[in-house]
Amino acid sequence: MLFYKDKLNKDINKEIFFILKETKSQTDVPQQKIANLKKLEKKLFGNNIYSNLYLGHLYYRSGKYEDAVNEYKRVMESKSSPLMKQNAVMGLGYSYESLGKYKDAISVFLKILNDKDISNKEDIYVSLGRLYEESGDYKSALEKYQFVIEKFPNIRNIEEIKEKAKSLKSFTTL
């Protein structure tokens, strides 16, 4: 029985690899490939959380944000590693953002900030700033950007964040 499950896990991981390798652009995910991955996953008696995470990524890349949300939620509800959950949270937040559900995205990101195992807090704060900005809460957006500037001055896109903060500062003082 264990051999059977191990073989299925290898098959699923191989299918994921080939899907990602064959995907030429952000939206060029063949639907047949996703269907094949789902069939392989159903052969397992339990869930393969890796396939849920990658299905979420594939659905997101192909613009199927509701399907991505469902897959990411499955990962978050599982007993997966903190890193897997962190990836799922980021995907879930981005999926909600793409659906225009800014409050849901903000809620997801705020919730994970309390997790001590989180390794990319700066990305979450930047995302929160962007989400607040997109939802029209410029004061909160400015606060998040200023927090990033103060606490994470060496991140890769700090100059863009400084520009956003500067423009929001002049905008919020009008």
Foldseek 3Di string as FASTA:
>chain_A
DVVVVVVLVVVLVVLLVVQVVPQDALQRRDPVSLVVSVVSQVVDPDGDLVSLLSSLSNCVSNPVLVSSLVSLVVNCPDPDDPVSVLSSLVSNLVSCVSVVNLVVSLVSLVVCVPPPPDDPNLVSLQSNLVSCVVVPVLVSSLVSLVCCCVPPVPDDPNVVSVVSNVVSVVVVVD
